[in-house]
């Protein structure tokens, strides 16, 4: 796995997380429709980093699937999401 690409992708998720928290600061980041917000924020950068075409619906699916299945007990969610998506979409 390309370590630099993982770091770039994790940084993208970190930036999106900070932007999301800032956008929902009044509710301490609580947003039941967070995948919609993230998909809009990530719709250009995420597919470019992964090197695949992705619709907003696909991004939403991936985020929701990761939220349900990713083990973030040992690594920050941004690292886990980045590694998982890179493994899935890298040839």
N, C-alpha and C. Protein backbone atom coordinates (compact mmCIF):
# COMPACT_ATOMS: atom_id res chain seq x y z
N UNK A 1 0.85 -1.19 0.00
CA UNK A 1 0.00 0.00 0.00
C UNK A 1 0.89 1.24 0.00
N UNK A 2 0.50 2.22 -0.77
CA UNK A 2 1.24 3.47 -0.89
C UNK A 2 1.02 4.30 0.38
N UNK A 3 2.09 4.41 1.20
CA UNK A 3 2.00 5.13 2.47
C UNK A 3 1.63 6.60 2.27
N UNK A 4 2.22 7.23 1.25
CA UNK A 4 1.92 8.64 1.00
C UNK A 4 0.45 8.84 0.64
N UNK A 5 -0.08 7.93 -0.17
CA UNK A 5 -1.49 8.05 -0.56
C UNK A 5 -2.38 7.86 0.66
N UNK A 6 -2.01 6.91 1.54
CA UNK A 6 -2.78 6.70 2.76
C UNK A 6 -2.76 7.97 3.62
N UNK A 7 -1.60 8.59 3.74
CA UNK A 7 -1.49 9.82 4.53
C UNK A 7 -2.32 10.94 3.92
N UNK A 8 -2.29 11.05 2.59
CA UNK A 8 -3.10 12.08 1.91
C UNK A 8 -4.59 11.86 2.14
N UNK A 9 -5.00 10.60 2.02
CA UNK A 9 -6.41 10.27 2.19
C UNK A 9 -6.84 10.47 3.63
N UNK A 10 -6.01 10.06 4.59
CA UNK A 10 -6.32 10.27 6.00
C UNK A 10 -6.41 11.76 6.31
N UNK A 11 -5.51 12.54 5.72
CA UNK A 11 -5.54 14.00 5.92
C UNK A 11 -6.82 14.60 5.33
N UNK A 12 -7.26 14.07 4.19
CA UNK A 12 -8.51 14.54 3.59
C UNK A 12 -9.69 14.26 4.52
N UNK A 13 -9.73 13.05 5.09
CA UNK A 13 -10.80 12.73 6.04
C UNK A 13 -10.71 13.60 7.29
N UNK A 14 -9.51 13.87 7.76
CA UNK A 14 -9.33 14.71 8.95
C UNK A 14 -9.84 16.13 8.66
N UNK A 15 -9.49 16.66 7.50
CA UNK A 15 -9.94 18.01 7.13
C UNK A 15 -11.45 18.05 7.01
N UNK A 16 -12.03 17.01 6.41
CA UNK A 16 -13.49 16.95 6.29
C UNK A 16 -14.14 16.86 7.66
N UNK A 17 -13.55 16.08 8.55
CA UNK A 17 -14.10 15.97 9.90
C UNK A 17 -14.09 17.29 10.64
N UNK A 18 -12.99 18.01 10.51
CA UNK A 18 -12.90 19.33 11.17
C UNK A 18 -13.91 20.30 10.56
N UNK A 19 -14.04 20.28 9.25
CA UNK A 19 -15.00 21.17 8.59
C UNK A 19 -16.43 20.80 9.00
N UNK A 20 -16.70 19.52 9.12
CA UNK A 20 -18.05 19.08 9.51
C UNK A 20 -18.33 19.52 10.94
N UNK A 21 -17.38 19.32 11.83
CA UNK A 21 -17.59 19.73 13.21
C UNK A 21 -17.82 21.24 13.29
N UNK A 22 -17.05 21.99 12.52
CA UNK A 22 -17.20 23.45 12.51
C UNK A 22 -18.59 23.84 11.99
N UNK A 23 -19.04 23.14 10.93
CA UNK A 23 -20.35 23.45 10.36
C UNK A 23 -21.48 23.14 11.33
N UNK A 24 -21.24 22.17 12.22
CA UNK A 24 -22.28 21.76 13.17
C UNK A 24 -21.84 22.01 14.61
N UNK A 25 -21.09 23.09 14.81
CA UNK A 25 -20.55 23.40 16.14
C UNK A 25 -21.65 23.62 17.17
N UNK A 26 -22.76 24.17 16.74
CA UNK A 26 -23.85 24.42 17.68
C UNK A 26 -24.44 23.14 18.25
N UNK A 27 -24.30 22.05 17.52
CA UNK A 27 -24.81 20.75 18.00
C UNK A 27 -23.66 19.82 18.38
N UNK A 28 -22.46 20.38 18.59
CA UNK A 28 -21.26 19.61 18.93
C UNK A 28 -21.00 18.52 17.90
N UNK A 29 -21.22 18.83 16.63
CA UNK A 29 -20.95 17.90 15.54
C UNK A 29 -22.05 16.90 15.29
N UNK A 30 -23.13 16.94 16.05
CA UNK A 30 -24.21 15.99 15.87
C UNK A 30 -24.98 16.30 14.59
N UNK A 31 -24.99 15.36 13.68
CA UNK A 31 -25.66 15.52 12.40
C UNK A 31 -26.10 14.14 11.93
N UNK A 32 -27.37 13.81 12.07
CA UNK A 32 -27.83 12.48 11.67
C UNK A 32 -27.68 12.21 10.17
N UNK A 33 -27.52 13.23 9.38
CA UNK A 33 -27.34 13.06 7.94
C UNK A 33 -25.89 13.33 7.52
N UNK A 34 -24.94 13.00 8.40
CA UNK A 34 -23.53 13.28 8.14
C UNK A 34 -23.02 12.68 6.84
N UNK A 35 -23.46 11.48 6.40
CA UNK A 35 -22.91 10.97 5.14
C UNK A 35 -23.23 11.87 3.94
N UNK A 36 -24.38 12.52 3.97
CA UNK A 36 -24.72 13.45 2.89
C UNK A 36 -23.76 14.63 2.88
N UNK A 37 -23.48 15.18 4.06
CA UNK A 37 -22.58 16.31 4.16
C UNK A 37 -21.18 15.91 3.69
N UNK A 38 -20.69 14.78 4.21
CA UNK A 38 -19.35 14.32 3.83
C UNK A 38 -19.25 14.05 2.34
N UNK A 39 -20.28 13.45 1.76
CA UNK A 39 -20.21 13.14 0.33
C UNK A 39 -20.08 14.41 -0.51
N UNK A 40 -20.77 15.45 -0.11
CA UNK A 40 -20.64 16.73 -0.82
C UNK A 40 -19.23 17.29 -0.66
N UNK A 41 -18.71 17.20 0.54
CA UNK A 41 -17.38 17.74 0.82
C UNK A 41 -16.28 16.94 0.12
N UNK A 42 -16.48 15.64 -0.04
CA UNK A 42 -15.45 14.75 -0.57
C UNK A 42 -15.62 14.40 -2.05
N UNK A 43 -16.70 14.85 -2.68
CA UNK A 43 -17.07 14.36 -4.01
C UNK A 43 -16.02 14.57 -5.09
N UNK A 44 -15.13 15.50 -4.94
CA UNK A 44 -14.10 15.71 -5.96
C UNK A 44 -12.76 15.12 -5.53
N UNK A 45 -12.38 15.32 -4.31
CA UNK A 45 -11.07 14.90 -3.85
C UNK A 45 -10.95 13.40 -3.62
N UNK A 46 -11.98 12.77 -3.05
CA UNK A 46 -11.90 11.35 -2.74
C UNK A 46 -11.71 10.49 -4.00
N UNK A 47 -12.55 10.64 -5.01
CA UNK A 47 -12.34 9.83 -6.22
C UNK A 47 -10.98 10.09 -6.87
N UNK A 48 -10.55 11.33 -6.85
CA UNK A 48 -9.25 11.66 -7.45
C UNK A 48 -8.12 10.95 -6.71
N UNK A 49 -8.16 10.96 -5.39
CA UNK A 49 -7.12 10.27 -4.62
C UNK A 49 -7.16 8.76 -4.80
N UNK A 50 -8.36 8.21 -4.91
CA UNK A 50 -8.49 6.77 -5.09
C UNK A 50 -8.25 6.33 -6.53
N UNK A 51 -8.35 7.29 -7.46
CA UNK A 51 -8.15 6.97 -8.88
C UNK A 51 -9.32 6.23 -9.50
N UNK A 52 -10.52 6.46 -8.96
CA UNK A 52 -11.73 5.83 -9.50
C UNK A 52 -12.85 6.86 -9.57
N UNK A 53 -13.80 6.60 -10.45
CA UNK A 53 -14.98 7.46 -10.49
C UNK A 53 -15.94 7.01 -9.41
N UNK A 54 -16.51 7.97 -8.70
CA UNK A 54 -17.46 7.66 -7.64
C UNK A 54 -18.58 8.68 -7.67
N UNK A 55 -19.80 8.20 -7.62
CA UNK A 55 -20.94 9.09 -7.48
C UNK A 55 -21.06 9.47 -6.00
N UNK A 56 -21.86 10.48 -5.74
CA UNK A 56 -22.12 10.83 -4.34
C UNK A 56 -22.79 9.67 -3.62
N UNK A 57 -23.64 8.95 -4.31
CA UNK A 57 -24.30 7.79 -3.70
C UNK A 57 -23.27 6.73 -3.30
N UNK A 58 -22.28 6.52 -4.13
CA UNK A 58 -21.24 5.53 -3.81
C UNK A 58 -20.42 5.99 -2.61
N UNK A 59 -20.11 7.27 -2.55
CA UNK A 59 -19.36 7.80 -1.41
C UNK A 59 -20.18 7.62 -0.13
N UNK A 60 -21.46 7.93 -0.19
CA UNK A 60 -22.34 7.75 0.97
C UNK A 60 -22.34 6.30 1.40
N UNK A 61 -22.48 5.38 0.43
CA UNK A 61 -22.48 3.95 0.75
C UNK A 61 -21.18 3.56 1.44
N UNK A 62 -20.05 3.97 0.88
CA UNK A 62 -18.76 3.60 1.45
C UNK A 62 -18.61 4.14 2.87
N UNK A 63 -19.00 5.39 3.09
CA UNK A 63 -18.90 5.98 4.42
C UNK A 63 -19.78 5.26 5.44
N UNK A 64 -21.00 4.95 5.03
CA UNK A 64 -21.91 4.25 5.94
C UNK A 64 -21.41 2.83 6.23
N UNK A 65 -20.89 2.18 5.21
CA UNK A 65 -20.35 0.83 5.40
C UNK A 65 -19.14 0.87 6.34
N UNK A 66 -18.26 1.82 6.13
CA UNK A 66 -17.10 1.95 7.01
C UNK A 66 -17.53 2.28 8.44
N UNK A 67 -18.52 3.14 8.58
CA UNK A 67 -19.00 3.49 9.91
C UNK A 67 -19.53 2.26 10.64
N UNK A 68 -20.15 1.36 9.90
CA UNK A 68 -20.72 0.14 10.49
C UNK A 68 -19.68 -0.95 10.75
N UNK A 69 -18.63 -1.00 9.94
CA UNK A 69 -17.73 -2.16 9.99
C UNK A 69 -16.29 -1.90 10.42
N UNK A 70 -15.83 -0.68 10.31
CA UNK A 70 -14.41 -0.40 10.58
C UNK A 70 -14.08 -0.50 12.06
N UNK A 71 -12.96 -1.15 12.35
CA UNK A 71 -12.47 -1.27 13.72
C UNK A 71 -11.55 -0.08 13.99
N UNK A 72 -12.06 0.89 14.72
CA UNK A 72 -11.28 2.10 15.02
C UNK A 72 -10.78 2.09 16.46
N UNK A 73 -10.67 0.92 17.04
CA UNK A 73 -10.23 0.83 18.44
C UNK A 73 -8.72 1.05 18.59
N UNK A 74 -7.94 0.82 17.54
CA UNK A 74 -6.49 0.94 17.65
C UNK A 74 -5.90 2.06 16.82
N UNK A 75 -6.64 2.52 15.83
CA UNK A 75 -6.19 3.62 14.98
C UNK A 75 -7.32 4.63 14.84
N UNK A 76 -6.95 5.88 14.57
CA UNK A 76 -7.93 6.93 14.35
C UNK A 76 -8.78 6.57 13.13
N UNK A 77 -10.03 6.94 13.16
CA UNK A 77 -10.94 6.56 12.07
C UNK A 77 -10.42 7.01 10.72
N UNK A 78 -9.74 8.14 10.66
CA UNK A 78 -9.25 8.64 9.38
C UNK A 78 -8.25 7.68 8.77
N UNK A 79 -7.38 7.10 9.59
CA UNK A 79 -6.38 6.14 9.13
C UNK A 79 -7.05 4.85 8.67
N UNK A 80 -8.00 4.38 9.46
CA UNK A 80 -8.71 3.13 9.13
C UNK A 80 -9.49 3.27 7.84
N UNK A 81 -10.23 4.37 7.70
CA UNK A 81 -11.01 4.59 6.49
C UNK A 81 -10.08 4.68 5.27
N UNK A 82 -8.99 5.41 5.41
CA UNK A 82 -8.04 5.56 4.30
C UNK A 82 -7.46 4.20 3.90
N UNK A 83 -6.99 3.45 4.86
CA UNK A 83 -6.39 2.14 4.55
C UNK A 83 -7.40 1.19 3.92
N UNK A 84 -8.60 1.18 4.46
CA UNK A 84 -9.64 0.28 3.94
C UNK A 84 -10.03 0.62 2.51
N UNK A 85 -10.22 1.90 2.23
CA UNK A 85 -10.61 2.31 0.88
C UNK A 85 -9.47 2.11 -0.11
N UNK A 86 -8.25 2.38 0.31
CA UNK A 86 -7.12 2.15 -0.58
C UNK A 86 -6.98 0.68 -0.91
N UNK A 87 -7.16 -0.19 0.07
CA UNK A 87 -7.07 -1.62 -0.18
C UNK A 87 -8.18 -2.07 -1.13
N UNK A 88 -9.34 -1.51 -0.99
CA UNK A 88 -10.48 -1.90 -1.83
C UNK A 88 -10.32 -1.43 -3.26
N UNK A 89 -9.84 -0.21 -3.45
CA UNK A 89 -9.81 0.37 -4.78
C UNK A 89 -8.44 0.34 -5.46
N UNK A 90 -7.42 -0.13 -4.79
CA UNK A 90 -6.11 -0.24 -5.43
C UNK A 90 -6.03 -1.56 -6.17
N UNK A 91 -5.44 -1.50 -7.33
CA UNK A 91 -5.33 -2.73 -8.16
C UNK A 91 -4.22 -3.62 -7.66
